[in-house]
Amino acid sequence: MNVTRAFEAPVVDALSVRVVVDSRYERFLPKATHPLVRIEHTGRIPGREMTTLAAEWGLSLHLASEAGGRRAQYLLDFGYTPEVLNRNVDLLDIDPASINGLILSHSHRDHYGGLDGFVTQHRKRMRPDLALYVGGETVFREKWVKENNAPPQSVGAPNPVSLRAQNVATVCCQSPRVLDGPFTSGYIARQSFEEVTGGSLIEDDHYSEAERRGRLVRDQHPDEHATCYVVRGRGLVVISSCGHTGIVNTVRAAIAAANVDRVHAVIGGFHLGLAPADYLQHTLRELEAINPDVILPMHCTGEAFIGLLRERMPGKVVYSNVGSRFTFGA
């Protein structure tokens, strides 16, 4: 695929993805193996027998990469609550002082809810030039949900004032951006059959203040972006935290940004839990065509689609669990 190169995608020697927050935790998972990824599930935590990892609706991933002997770590998304995030960070022995930066995939509460509490608890130990990487300024606008005939209810937004008070810089990544190890996809173009999904609403900015008062329109998620790595000798790893813009669109955006055709792994939420059967089948065919080596579904992917993946692509699907660590390229 020939594209205009906005940047040179960084290459890492190894990448570890650890599930800090997700909606399921099974303590007694059997040992799992895969020829292309090292899988480490977490059961009993030695010395911490009186407590356990917690699960909640939301997602947070700890990303650690190595390139040329240098390590870099990022926290991608922050779950629904700081209580669960901070609890699991402590139990998994993740050192906030070693984190190079924070990444927010999009501004739904199940991804940003733990952010403020995490920063408040750990900021004094973290690097002074800490930054939060977001897909655009619109990530801070208020979102709403509406169910049946009930009035719209605000679900809030990340708080930029709190971030500034904690000396956390906000870096907008509307275009692909190189970080220390990963790169962000930038805006995800809508070029496949996929529809933008997700039930959130936003205020309509195409009208005057008087006209748009009380007017809500469907959220098109212009600020959602993916976090990606190129693993030496393996290919592209695409992490879609929720995939409201479509998992196929997300992977294609990463391919175009990095100018890398070989997809090694697709990880995260694919937002297909409520999708109809024909839509699932279409998505499955597109993923089969992309042909990643590893598929690691999480969060909002949906049991029906995970079942289809296990049926049609059994050698590629890896089971995820809170606390699990997956290492690529080592």
C-alpha atoms as a PDB file:
ATOM      1  CA  MET A   1       0.000   0.000   0.000  1.00  0.00           C
ATOM      2  CA  ASN A   2       1.546   3.319  -1.034  1.00  0.00           C
ATOM      3  CA  VAL A   3       0.725   6.259   1.196  1.00  0.00           C
ATOM      4  CA  THR A   4       2.269   9.600   2.039  1.00  0.00           C
ATOM      5  CA  ARG A   5       4.411   9.028   5.094  1.00  0.00           C
ATOM      6  CA  ALA A   6       3.610  11.526   7.841  1.00  0.00           C
ATOM      7  CA  PHE A   7       6.236   9.946  10.061  1.00  0.00           C
ATOM      8  CA  GLU A   8       8.464   6.903  10.416  1.00  0.00           C
ATOM      9  CA  ALA A   9       6.644   4.357  12.566  1.00  0.00           C
ATOM     10  CA  PRO A  10       8.875   3.216  15.437  1.00  0.00           C
ATOM     11  CA  VAL A  11       9.822  -0.453  15.699  1.00  0.00           C
ATOM     12  CA  VAL A  12      10.075  -2.322  18.999  1.00  0.00           C
ATOM     13  CA  ASP A  13      11.788  -5.606  19.771  1.00  0.00           C
ATOM     14  CA  ALA A  14       9.101  -6.773  22.190  1.00  0.00           C
ATOM     15  CA  LEU A  15       5.720  -5.645  23.496  1.00  0.00           C
ATOM     16  CA  SER A  16       3.817  -6.733  26.604  1.00  0.00           C
ATOM     17  CA  VAL A  17       0.131  -5.912  27.037  1.00  0.00           C
ATOM     18  CA  ARG A  18      -1.279  -6.362  30.538  1.00  0.00           C
ATOM     19  CA  VAL A  19      -5.003  -6.235  31.270  1.00  0.00           C
ATOM     20  CA  VAL A  20      -5.413  -3.939  34.268  1.00  0.00           C
ATOM     21  CA  VAL A  21      -9.201  -3.471  34.061  1.00  0.00           C
ATOM     22  CA  ASP A  22     -11.808  -5.450  32.125  1.00  0.00           C
ATOM     23  CA  SER A  23     -15.173  -6.993  32.890  1.00  0.00           C
ATOM     24  CA  ARG A  24     -14.074 -10.513  33.836  1.00  0.00           C
ATOM     25  CA  TYR A  25     -11.604 -12.110  36.217  1.00  0.00           C
ATOM     26  CA  GLU A  26     -11.224 -15.879  36.497  1.00  0.00           C
ATOM     27  CA  ARG A  27      -8.695 -16.921  39.122  1.00  0.00           C
ATOM     28  CA  PHE A  28      -8.306 -20.552  38.032  1.00  0.00           C
ATOM     29  CA  LEU A  29      -7.593 -20.290  34.318  1.00  0.00           C
ATOM     30  CA  PRO A  30      -5.417 -23.144  33.065  1.00  0.00           C
ATOM     31  CA  LYS A  31      -1.994 -22.432  31.643  1.00  0.00           C
ATOM     32  CA  ALA A  32      -2.320 -21.287  28.038  1.00  0.00           C
ATOM     33  CA  THR A  33       0.153 -21.316  25.168  1.00  0.00           C
ATOM     34  CA  HIS A  34       0.288 -19.903  21.654  1.00  0.00           C
ATOM     35  CA  PRO A  35       3.160 -20.182  19.163  1.00  0.00           C
ATOM     36  CA  LEU A  36       3.327 -16.415  18.563  1.00  0.00           C
ATOM     37  CA  VAL A  37       2.517 -14.841  21.939  1.00  0.00           C
ATOM     38  CA  ARG A  38       3.582 -15.632  25.491  1.00  0.00           C
ATOM     39  CA  ILE A  39       0.494 -15.835  27.710  1.00  0.00           C
ATOM     40  CA  GLU A  40       0.667 -15.305  31.471  1.00  0.00           C
ATOM     41  CA  HIS A  41      -2.616 -15.485  33.363  1.00  0.00           C
ATOM     42  CA  THR A  42      -2.778 -14.194  36.939  1.00  0.00           C
ATOM     43  CA  GLY A  43      -4.356 -16.284  39.667  1.00  0.00           C
ATOM     44  CA  ARG A  44      -3.382 -16.080  43.311  1.00  0.00           C
ATOM     45  CA  ILE A  45      -1.025 -13.185  44.004  1.00  0.00           C
ATOM     46  CA  PRO A  46       1.741 -14.338  46.365  1.00  0.00           C
ATOM     47  CA  GLY A  47       1.742 -12.453  49.645  1.00  0.00           C
ATOM     48  CA  ARG A  48      -1.674 -10.891  48.930  1.00  0.00           C
ATOM     49  CA  GLU A  49      -3.946 -13.768  49.904  1.00  0.00           C
ATOM     50  CA  MET A  50      -6.438 -11.521  51.703  1.00  0.00           C
ATOM     51  CA  THR A  51      -7.353  -9.555  48.603  1.00  0.00           C
ATOM     52  CA  THR A  52      -7.936 -10.148  44.910  1.00  0.00           C
ATOM     53  CA  LEU A  53      -8.019  -8.437  41.549  1.00  0.00           C
ATOM     54  CA  ALA A  54     -11.315  -6.710  40.735  1.00  0.00           C
ATOM     55  CA  ALA A  55     -13.273  -6.561  37.492  1.00  0.00           C
ATOM     56  CA  GLU A  56     -15.684  -3.903  36.261  1.00  0.00           C
ATOM     57  CA  TRP A  57     -17.220  -2.705  33.006  1.00  0.00           C
ATOM     58  CA  GLY A  58     -14.397  -0.746  31.439  1.00  0.00           C
ATOM     59  CA  LEU A  59     -10.901  -1.196  30.085  1.00  0.00           C
ATOM     60  CA  SER A  60      -7.372  -0.272  31.075  1.00  0.00           C
ATOM     61  CA  LEU A  61      -4.192  -1.737  29.602  1.00  0.00           C
ATOM     62  CA  HIS A  62      -0.574  -1.406  30.701  1.00  0.00           C
ATOM     63  CA  LEU A  63       1.740  -1.371  27.682  1.00  0.00           C
ATOM     64  CA  ALA A  64       5.467  -2.077  28.030  1.00  0.00           C
ATOM     65  CA  SER A  65       7.805  -2.195  25.046  1.00  0.00           C
ATOM     66  CA  GLU A  66      11.525  -2.617  24.539  1.00  0.00           C
ATOM     67  CA  ALA A  67      13.669  -1.334  21.679  1.00  0.00           C
ATOM     68  CA  GLY A  68      17.454  -1.427  21.622  1.00  0.00           C
ATOM     69  CA  GLY A  69      17.576  -2.156  25.345  1.00  0.00           C
ATOM     70  CA  ARG A  70      15.364   0.817  26.236  1.00  0.00           C
ATOM     71  CA  ARG A  71      12.004   0.202  27.876  1.00  0.00           C
ATOM     72  CA  ALA A  72       8.929   2.408  27.654  1.00  0.00           C
ATOM     73  CA  GLN A  73       5.596   2.083  29.445  1.00  0.00           C
ATOM     74  CA  TYR A  74       2.165   3.627  28.887  1.00  0.00           C
ATOM     75  CA  LEU A  75      -1.198   3.296  30.568  1.00  0.00           C
ATOM     76  CA  LEU A  76      -3.934   3.108  27.936  1.00  0.00           C
ATOM     77  CA  ASP A  77      -7.376   4.001  29.317  1.00  0.00           C
ATOM     78  CA  PHE A  78      -8.422   3.980  32.947  1.00  0.00           C
ATOM     79  CA  GLY A  79     -11.506   1.824  33.509  1.00  0.00           C
ATOM     80  CA  TYR A  80     -14.741   3.050  35.055  1.00  0.00           C
ATOM     81  CA  THR A  81     -13.630   3.873  38.608  1.00  0.00           C
ATOM     82  CA  PRO A  82     -10.358   4.878  40.271  1.00  0.00           C
ATOM     83  CA  GLU A  83     -11.009   2.396  43.080  1.00  0.00           C
ATOM     84  CA  VAL A  84     -10.718  -0.624  40.774  1.00  0.00           C
ATOM     85  CA  LEU A  85      -7.920   0.857  38.675  1.00  0.00           C
ATOM     86  CA  ASN A  86      -5.737   1.800  41.644  1.00  0.00           C
ATOM     87  CA  ARG A  87      -6.437  -1.514  43.368  1.00  0.00           C
ATOM     88  CA  ASN A  88      -5.334  -3.556  40.352  1.00  0.00           C
ATOM     89  CA  VAL A  89      -2.323  -1.344  39.589  1.00  0.00           C
ATOM     90  CA  ASP A  90      -1.125  -2.033  43.132  1.00  0.00           C
ATOM     91  CA  LEU A  91      -1.797  -5.788  43.019  1.00  0.00           C
ATOM     92  CA  LEU A  92      -0.119  -6.170  39.626  1.00  0.00           C
ATOM     93  CA  ASP A  93       2.933  -4.279  40.904  1.00  0.00           C
ATOM     94  CA  ILE A  94       2.806  -1.642  38.166  1.00  0.00           C
ATOM     95  CA  ASP A  95       5.084   1.246  39.083  1.00  0.00           C
ATOM     96  CA  PRO A  96       3.494   4.608  38.156  1.00  0.00           C
ATOM     97  CA  ALA A  97       6.932   6.227  38.368  1.00  0.00           C
ATOM     98  CA  SER A  98       8.030   4.148  35.358  1.00  0.00           C
ATOM     99  CA  ILE A  99       5.154   5.216  33.109  1.00  0.00           C
ATOM    100  CA  ASN A 100       6.253   7.388  30.175  1.00  0.00           C
ATOM    101  CA  GLY A 101       2.778   8.702  29.395  1.00  0.00           C
ATOM    102  CA  LEU A 102      -0.982   8.237  29.519  1.00  0.00           C
ATOM    103  CA  ILE A 103      -3.226   7.542  26.512  1.00  0.00           C
ATOM    104  CA  LEU A 104      -6.991   8.002  26.333  1.00  0.00           C
ATOM    105  CA  SER A 105      -8.647   6.214  23.408  1.00  0.00           C
ATOM    106  CA  HIS A 106     -11.955   8.121  23.656  1.00  0.00           C
ATOM    107  CA  SER A 107     -14.108   9.862  26.231  1.00  0.00           C
ATOM    108  CA  HIS A 108     -16.598   7.297  27.473  1.00  0.00           C
ATOM    109  CA  ARG A 109     -16.683   6.920  31.233  1.00  0.00           C
ATOM    110  CA  ASP A 110     -15.726   3.241  31.144  1.00  0.00           C
ATOM    111  CA  HIS A 111     -12.401   4.390  29.666  1.00  0.00           C
ATOM    112  CA  TYR A 112     -11.728   7.707  31.412  1.00  0.00           C
ATOM    113  CA  GLY A 113     -13.525   7.175  34.741  1.00  0.00           C
ATOM    114  CA  GLY A 114     -10.422   6.188  36.709  1.00  0.00           C
ATOM    115  CA  LEU A 115      -8.141   8.838  35.182  1.00  0.00           C
ATOM    116  CA  ASP A 116      -8.527  11.659  37.687  1.00  0.00           C
ATOM    117  CA  GLY A 117      -8.288   9.376  40.715  1.00  0.00           C
ATOM    118  CA  PHE A 118      -5.259   7.578  39.313  1.00  0.00           C
ATOM    119  CA  VAL A 119      -3.418  10.827  38.657  1.00  0.00           C
ATOM    120  CA  THR A 120      -4.387  12.257  42.052  1.00  0.00           C
ATOM    121  CA  GLN A 121      -3.064   9.218  43.895  1.00  0.00           C
ATOM    122  CA  HIS A 122       0.184   8.784  41.969  1.00  0.00           C
ATOM    123  CA  ARG A 123       1.141  12.164  40.465  1.00  0.00           C
ATOM    124  CA  LYS A 124       3.883  12.976  42.991  1.00  0.00           C
ATOM    125  CA  ARG A 125       5.726   9.803  42.021  1.00  0.00           C
ATOM    126  CA  MET A 126       5.364  10.228  38.265  1.00  0.00           C
ATOM    127  CA  ARG A 127       7.606  12.007  35.788  1.00  0.00           C
ATOM    128  CA  PRO A 128       7.296  15.804  35.844  1.00  0.00           C
ATOM    129  CA  ASP A 129       6.622  16.086  32.101  1.00  0.00           C
ATOM    130  CA  LEU A 130       3.737  13.615  32.144  1.00  0.00           C
ATOM    131  CA  ALA A 131       1.317  13.952  29.201  1.00  0.00           C
ATOM    132  CA  LEU A 132      -2.091  12.568  28.309  1.00  0.00           C
ATOM    133  CA  TYR A 133      -2.394  11.731  24.605  1.00  0.00           C
ATOM    134  CA  VAL A 134      -5.916  12.143  23.188  1.00  0.00           C
ATOM    135  CA  GLY A 135      -7.430  12.005  19.727  1.00  0.00           C
ATOM    136  CA  GLY A 136      -8.605  15.629  19.682  1.00  0.00           C
ATOM    137  CA  GLU A 137      -9.937  18.534  21.726  1.00  0.00           C
ATOM    138  CA  THR A 138     -13.494  17.205  21.398  1.00  0.00           C
ATOM    139  CA  VAL A 139     -12.557  14.470  23.867  1.00  0.00           C
ATOM    140  CA  PHE A 140     -13.415  16.978  26.616  1.00  0.00           C
ATOM    141  CA  ARG A 141     -16.953  17.792  25.517  1.00  0.00           C
ATOM    142  CA  GLU A 142     -19.836  16.552  27.603  1.00  0.00           C
ATOM    143  CA  LYS A 143     -21.629  13.397  26.495  1.00  0.00           C
ATOM    144  CA  TRP A 144     -25.183  12.269  27.121  1.00  0.00           C
ATOM    145  CA  VAL A 145     -27.174   9.052  26.995  1.00  0.00           C
ATOM    146  CA  LYS A 146     -30.892   8.628  26.448  1.00  0.00           C
ATOM    147  CA  GLU A 147     -32.840   5.451  27.159  1.00  0.00           C
ATOM    148  CA  ASN A 148     -36.405   4.930  25.996  1.00  0.00           C
ATOM    149  CA  ASN A 149     -38.577   7.924  26.982  1.00  0.00           C
ATOM    150  CA  ALA A 150     -36.387   9.071  29.875  1.00  0.00           C
ATOM    151  CA  PRO A 151     -34.795  12.537  29.689  1.00  0.00           C
ATOM    152  CA  PRO A 152     -31.184  12.628  28.450  1.00  0.00           C
ATOM    153  CA  GLN A 153     -28.664  12.037  31.208  1.00  0.00           C
ATOM    154  CA  SER A 154     -25.165  13.500  31.244  1.00  0.00           C
ATOM    155  CA  VAL A 155     -22.320  11.017  31.602  1.00  0.00           C
ATOM    156  CA  GLY A 156     -19.752  13.757  31.905  1.00  0.00           C
ATOM    157  CA  ALA A 157     -16.347  14.094  30.278  1.00  0.00           C
ATOM    158  CA  PRO A 158     -12.693  14.092  31.309  1.00  0.00           C
ATOM    159  CA  ASN A 159     -11.812  17.182  33.321  1.00  0.00           C
ATOM    160  CA  PRO A 160      -9.100  19.302  31.652  1.00  0.00           C
ATOM    161  CA  VAL A 161      -8.990  21.698  34.604  1.00  0.00           C
ATOM    162  CA  SER A 162      -8.067  18.866  36.949  1.00  0.00           C
ATOM    163  CA  LEU A 163      -5.379  17.661  34.563  1.00  0.00           C
ATOM    164  CA  ARG A 164      -3.824  21.124  34.347  1.00  0.00           C
ATOM    165  CA  ALA A 165      -3.941  21.436  38.124  1.00  0.00           C
ATOM    166  CA  GLN A 166      -2.016  18.173  38.366  1.00  0.00           C
ATOM    167  CA  ASN A 167       0.531  19.393  35.776  1.00  0.00           C
ATOM    168  CA  VAL A 168      -0.505  16.826  33.176  1.00  0.00           C
ATOM    169  CA  ALA A 169      -0.143  18.199  29.656  1.00  0.00           C
ATOM    170  CA  THR A 170      -2.747  17.287  27.036  1.00  0.00           C
ATOM    171  CA  VAL A 171      -1.399  16.366  23.606  1.00  0.00           C
ATOM    172  CA  CYS A 172      -3.928  16.101  20.759  1.00  0.00           C
ATOM    173  CA  CYS A 173      -3.188  13.455  18.143  1.00  0.00           C
ATOM    174  CA  GLN A 174      -5.595  14.109  15.279  1.00  0.00           C
ATOM    175  CA  SER A 175      -2.885  12.816  12.940  1.00  0.00           C
ATOM    176  CA  PRO A 176      -0.693   9.769  13.576  1.00  0.00           C
ATOM    177  CA  ARG A 177       1.871  10.561  16.232  1.00  0.00           C
ATOM    178  CA  VAL A 178       5.045   8.782  17.282  1.00  0.00           C
ATOM    179  CA  LEU A 179       5.465   8.139  20.999  1.00  0.00           C
ATOM    180  CA  ASP A 180       8.315   6.318  22.715  1.00  0.00           C
ATOM    181  CA  GLY A 181       7.604   2.853  21.356  1.00  0.00           C
ATOM    182  CA  PRO A 182       4.007   3.078  20.139  1.00  0.00           C
ATOM    183  CA  PHE A 183       2.340   5.376  17.670  1.00  0.00           C
ATOM    184  CA  THR A 184      -1.235   6.631  17.613  1.00  0.00           C
ATOM    185  CA  SER A 185      -3.437   6.117  14.571  1.00  0.00           C
ATOM    186  CA  GLY A 186      -4.825   9.637  14.374  1.00  0.00           C
ATOM    187  CA  TYR A 187      -8.331  10.141  13.017  1.00  0.00           C
ATOM    188  CA  ILE A 188      -9.840   6.838  11.878  1.00  0.00           C
ATOM    189  CA  ALA A 189     -11.297   7.233   8.401  1.00  0.00           C
ATOM    190  CA  ARG A 190     -14.717   5.680   7.787  1.00  0.00           C
ATOM    191  CA  GLN A 191     -13.955   3.733   4.617  1.00  0.00           C
ATOM    192  CA  SER A 192     -15.442   0.277   5.149  1.00  0.00           C
ATOM    193  CA  PHE A 193     -19.003  -1.039   5.387  1.00  0.00           C
ATOM    194  CA  GLU A 194     -18.963  -0.352   9.130  1.00  0.00           C
ATOM    195  CA  GLU A 195     -21.279   2.063  10.889  1.00  0.00           C
ATOM    196  CA  VAL A 196     -20.205   4.282  13.768  1.00  0.00           C
ATOM    197  CA  THR A 197     -21.656   2.656  16.879  1.00  0.00           C
ATOM    198  CA  GLY A 198     -22.150   3.661  20.493  1.00  0.00           C
ATOM    199  CA  GLY A 199     -25.105   5.164  22.273  1.00  0.00           C
ATOM    200  CA  SER A 200     -23.653   8.484  23.403  1.00  0.00           C
ATOM    201  CA  LEU A 201     -24.994  11.874  22.289  1.00  0.00           C
ATOM    202  CA  ILE A 202     -23.368  15.282  22.001  1.00  0.00           C
ATOM    203  CA  GLU A 203     -24.648  18.831  21.638  1.00  0.00           C
ATOM    204  CA  ASP A 204     -25.073  19.883  18.016  1.00  0.00           C
ATOM    205  CA  ASP A 205     -22.493  22.577  17.265  1.00  0.00           C
ATOM    206  CA  HIS A 206     -23.930  23.366  13.822  1.00  0.00           C
ATOM    207  CA  TYR A 207     -26.634  25.534  15.376  1.00  0.00           C
ATOM    208  CA  SER A 208     -26.606  28.769  17.327  1.00  0.00           C
ATOM    209  CA  GLU A 209     -26.606  28.623  21.112  1.00  0.00           C
ATOM    210  CA  ALA A 210     -30.344  29.322  21.199  1.00  0.00           C
ATOM    211  CA  GLU A 211     -31.141  26.781  18.500  1.00  0.00           C
ATOM    212  CA  ARG A 212     -29.080  23.977  19.912  1.00  0.00           C
ATOM    213  CA  ARG A 213     -30.154  24.377  23.516  1.00  0.00           C
ATOM    214  CA  GLY A 214     -31.509  20.979  24.400  1.00  0.00           C
ATOM    215  CA  ARG A 215     -30.698  19.532  20.966  1.00  0.00           C
ATOM    216  CA  LEU A 216     -28.584  16.380  20.987  1.00  0.00           C
ATOM    217  CA  VAL A 217     -27.183  14.456  18.019  1.00  0.00           C
ATOM    218  CA  ARG A 218     -25.470  11.118  17.649  1.00  0.00           C
ATOM    219  CA  ASP A 219     -21.813  11.055  18.606  1.00  0.00           C
ATOM    220  CA  GLN A 220     -19.578  10.285  15.609  1.00  0.00           C
ATOM    221  CA  HIS A 221     -16.469   9.779  17.782  1.00  0.00           C
ATOM    222  CA  PRO A 222     -14.117  12.022  15.773  1.00  0.00           C
ATOM    223  CA  ASP A 223     -11.561  11.903  18.601  1.00  0.00           C
ATOM    224  CA  GLU A 224     -11.307   8.117  18.941  1.00  0.00           C
ATOM    225  CA  HIS A 225      -7.869   6.785  18.035  1.00  0.00           C
ATOM    226  CA  ALA A 226      -5.974   3.508  18.317  1.00  0.00           C
ATOM    227  CA  THR A 227      -2.619   2.758  19.919  1.00  0.00           C
ATOM    228  CA  CYS A 228      -0.287   0.739  17.697  1.00  0.00           C
ATOM    229  CA  TYR A 229       3.136  -0.897  17.643  1.00  0.00           C
ATOM    230  CA  VAL A 230       5.349  -2.374  14.958  1.00  0.00           C
ATOM    231  CA  VAL A 231       7.079  -5.438  16.442  1.00  0.00           C
ATOM    232  CA  ARG A 232      10.331  -6.350  14.740  1.00  0.00           C
ATOM    233  CA  GLY A 233      10.010  -9.461  12.612  1.00  0.00           C
ATOM    234  CA  ARG A 234       6.297  -9.847  13.435  1.00  0.00           C
ATOM    235  CA  GLY A 235       4.388  -6.858  12.086  1.00  0.00           C
ATOM    236  CA  LEU A 236       1.724  -4.437  13.262  1.00  0.00           C
ATOM    237  CA  VAL A 237      -0.101  -4.682  16.589  1.00  0.00           C
ATOM    238  CA  VAL A 238      -3.324  -2.639  16.659  1.00  0.00           C
ATOM    239  CA  ILE A 239      -5.029  -1.913  19.989  1.00  0.00           C
ATOM    240  CA  SER A 240      -8.624  -0.788  19.594  1.00  0.00           C
ATOM    241  CA  SER A 241      -9.948   0.060  23.022  1.00  0.00           C
ATOM    242  CA  CYS A 242     -13.586   0.175  21.876  1.00  0.00           C
ATOM    243  CA  GLY A 243     -13.773   0.404  18.106  1.00  0.00           C
ATOM    244  CA  HIS A 244     -16.842   2.649  17.768  1.00  0.00           C
ATOM    245  CA  THR A 245     -15.572   3.639  14.322  1.00  0.00           C
ATOM    246  CA  GLY A 246     -15.309  -0.029  13.303  1.00  0.00           C
ATOM    247  CA  ILE A 247     -12.559  -2.535  13.971  1.00  0.00           C
ATOM    248  CA  VAL A 248     -11.873  -2.907  10.243  1.00  0.00           C
ATOM    249  CA  ASN A 249     -11.602   0.870   9.797  1.00  0.00           C
ATOM    250  CA  THR A 250      -9.306   0.982  12.828  1.00  0.00           C
ATOM    251  CA  VAL A 251      -6.920  -1.656  11.515  1.00  0.00           C
ATOM    252  CA  ARG A 252      -6.860  -0.069   8.062  1.00  0.00           C
ATOM    253  CA  ALA A 253      -6.058   3.328   9.580  1.00  0.00           C
ATOM    254  CA  ALA A 254      -3.101   1.804  11.421  1.00  0.00           C
ATOM    255  CA  ILE A 255      -1.891   0.046   8.258  1.00  0.00           C
ATOM    256  CA  ALA A 256      -2.056   3.292   6.288  1.00  0.00           C
ATOM    257  CA  ALA A 257      -0.276   5.298   8.988  1.00  0.00           C
ATOM    258  CA  ALA A 258       2.596   2.843   9.420  1.00  0.00           C
ATOM    259  CA  ASN A 259       2.764   1.728   5.773  1.00  0.00           C
ATOM    260  CA  VAL A 260       2.971  -1.853   7.078  1.00  0.00           C
ATOM    261  CA  ASP A 261       0.776  -4.489   5.451  1.00  0.00           C
ATOM    262  CA  ARG A 262       1.501  -7.364   7.816  1.00  0.00           C
ATOM    263  CA  VAL A 263      -0.826  -7.333  10.826  1.00  0.00           C
ATOM    264  CA  HIS A 264       0.511  -9.397  13.702  1.00  0.00           C
ATOM    265  CA  ALA A 265      -2.217  -8.827  16.306  1.00  0.00           C
ATOM    266  CA  VAL A 266      -5.559  -7.084  16.782  1.00  0.00           C
ATOM    267  CA  ILE A 267      -6.353  -6.403  20.429  1.00  0.00           C
ATOM    268  CA  GLY A 268      -9.097  -4.810  22.512  1.00  0.00           C
ATOM    269  CA  GLY A 269     -12.766  -3.971  22.225  1.00  0.00           C
ATOM    270  CA  PHE A 270     -14.488  -4.333  18.839  1.00  0.00           C
ATOM    271  CA  HIS A 271     -17.886  -2.925  19.940  1.00  0.00           C
ATOM    272  CA  LEU A 272     -19.961  -5.702  18.407  1.00  0.00           C
ATOM    273  CA  GLY A 273     -22.011  -6.795  21.413  1.00  0.00           C
ATOM    274  CA  LEU A 274     -25.296  -5.530  19.935  1.00  0.00           C
ATOM    275  CA  ALA A 275     -24.507  -5.978  16.240  1.00  0.00           C
ATOM    276  CA  PRO A 276     -26.886  -8.093  14.081  1.00  0.00           C
ATOM    277  CA  ALA A 277     -25.785 -11.458  12.724  1.00  0.00           C
ATOM    278  CA  ASP A 278     -25.146 -10.292   9.141  1.00  0.00           C
ATOM    279  CA  TYR A 279     -22.969  -7.427  10.396  1.00  0.00           C
ATOM    280  CA  LEU A 280     -20.922  -9.883  12.482  1.00  0.00           C
ATOM    281  CA  GLN A 281     -20.445 -12.131   9.476  1.00  0.00           C
ATOM    282  CA  HIS A 282     -19.294  -9.201   7.329  1.00  0.00           C
ATOM    283  CA  THR A 283     -16.816  -8.121  10.008  1.00  0.00           C
ATOM    284  CA  LEU A 284     -15.535 -11.673  10.310  1.00  0.00           C
ATOM    285  CA  ARG A 285     -14.897 -11.915   6.568  1.00  0.00           C
ATOM    286  CA  GLU A 286     -12.979  -8.643   6.614  1.00  0.00           C
ATOM    287  CA  LEU A 287     -10.816  -9.800   9.530  1.00  0.00           C
ATOM    288  CA  GLU A 288     -10.167 -13.076   7.736  1.00  0.00           C
ATOM    289  CA  ALA A 289      -8.950 -11.063   4.748  1.00  0.00           C
ATOM    290  CA  ILE A 290      -6.663  -8.951   6.944  1.00  0.00           C
ATOM    291  CA  ASN A 291      -5.410 -12.259   8.406  1.00  0.00           C
ATOM    292  CA  PRO A 292      -3.750 -11.219  11.684  1.00  0.00           C
ATOM    293  CA  ASP A 293      -1.638 -13.827  13.475  1.00  0.00           C
ATOM    294  CA  VAL A 294      -3.340 -13.186  16.826  1.00  0.00           C
ATOM    295  CA  ILE A 295      -6.769 -11.834  17.792  1.00  0.00           C
ATOM    296  CA  LEU A 296      -7.228 -10.839  21.416  1.00  0.00           C
ATOM    297  CA  PRO A 297     -10.847  -9.711  21.966  1.00  0.00           C
ATOM    298  CA  MET A 298     -11.745  -7.823  25.146  1.00  0.00           C
ATOM    299  CA  HIS A 299     -14.307  -5.536  26.743  1.00  0.00           C
ATOM    300  CA  CYS A 300     -17.181  -4.702  24.351  1.00  0.00           C
ATOM    301  CA  THR A 301     -16.389  -7.192  21.594  1.00  0.00           C
ATOM    302  CA  GLY A 302     -19.442  -9.306  22.452  1.00  0.00           C
ATOM    303  CA  GLU A 303     -19.798 -13.020  23.152  1.00  0.00           C
ATOM    304  CA  ALA A 304     -21.477 -13.744  19.809  1.00  0.00           C
ATOM    305  CA  PHE A 305     -18.556 -12.389  17.815  1.00  0.00           C
ATOM    306  CA  ILE A 306     -15.990 -14.049  20.055  1.00  0.00           C
ATOM    307  CA  GLY A 307     -17.826 -17.323  19.429  1.00  0.00           C
ATOM    308  CA  LEU A 308     -17.608 -16.772  15.670  1.00  0.00           C
ATOM    309  CA  LEU A 309     -13.889 -16.025  15.924  1.00  0.00           C
ATOM    310  CA  ARG A 310     -13.273 -19.225  17.870  1.00  0.00           C
ATOM    311  CA  GLU A 311     -15.258 -21.196  15.318  1.00  0.00           C
ATOM    312  CA  ARG A 312     -13.718 -19.749  12.145  1.00  0.00           C
ATOM    313  CA  MET A 313     -10.240 -18.650  13.318  1.00  0.00           C
ATOM    314  CA  PRO A 314      -9.507 -20.931  16.285  1.00  0.00           C
ATOM    315  CA  GLY A 315      -5.731 -20.865  15.947  1.00  0.00           C
ATOM    316  CA  LYS A 316      -5.646 -17.080  16.156  1.00  0.00           C
ATOM    317  CA  VAL A 317      -7.929 -16.318  19.125  1.00  0.00           C
ATOM    318  CA  VAL A 318      -6.407 -15.832  22.585  1.00  0.00           C
ATOM    319  CA  TYR A 319      -8.482 -15.691  25.776  1.00  0.00           C
ATOM    320  CA  SER A 320      -8.167 -12.522  27.884  1.00  0.00           C
ATOM    321  CA  ASN A 321      -8.634 -12.029  31.615  1.00  0.00           C
ATOM    322  CA  VAL A 322      -7.974  -9.276  34.158  1.00  0.00           C
ATOM    323  CA  GLY A 323      -4.344  -9.497  35.184  1.00  0.00           C
ATOM    324  CA  SER A 324      -3.258 -11.448  32.093  1.00  0.00           C
ATOM    325  CA  ARG A 325      -0.080 -10.390  30.296  1.00  0.00           C
ATOM    326  CA  PHE A 326       0.548 -11.049  26.610  1.00  0.00           C
ATOM    327  CA  THR A 327       4.052 -10.641  25.197  1.00  0.00           C
ATOM    328  CA  PHE A 328       4.755 -10.294  21.493  1.00  0.00           C
ATOM    329  CA  GLY A 329       8.148 -10.573  19.875  1.00  0.00           C
ATOM    330  CA  ALA A 330      10.064 -12.043  22.792  1.00  0.00           C
END
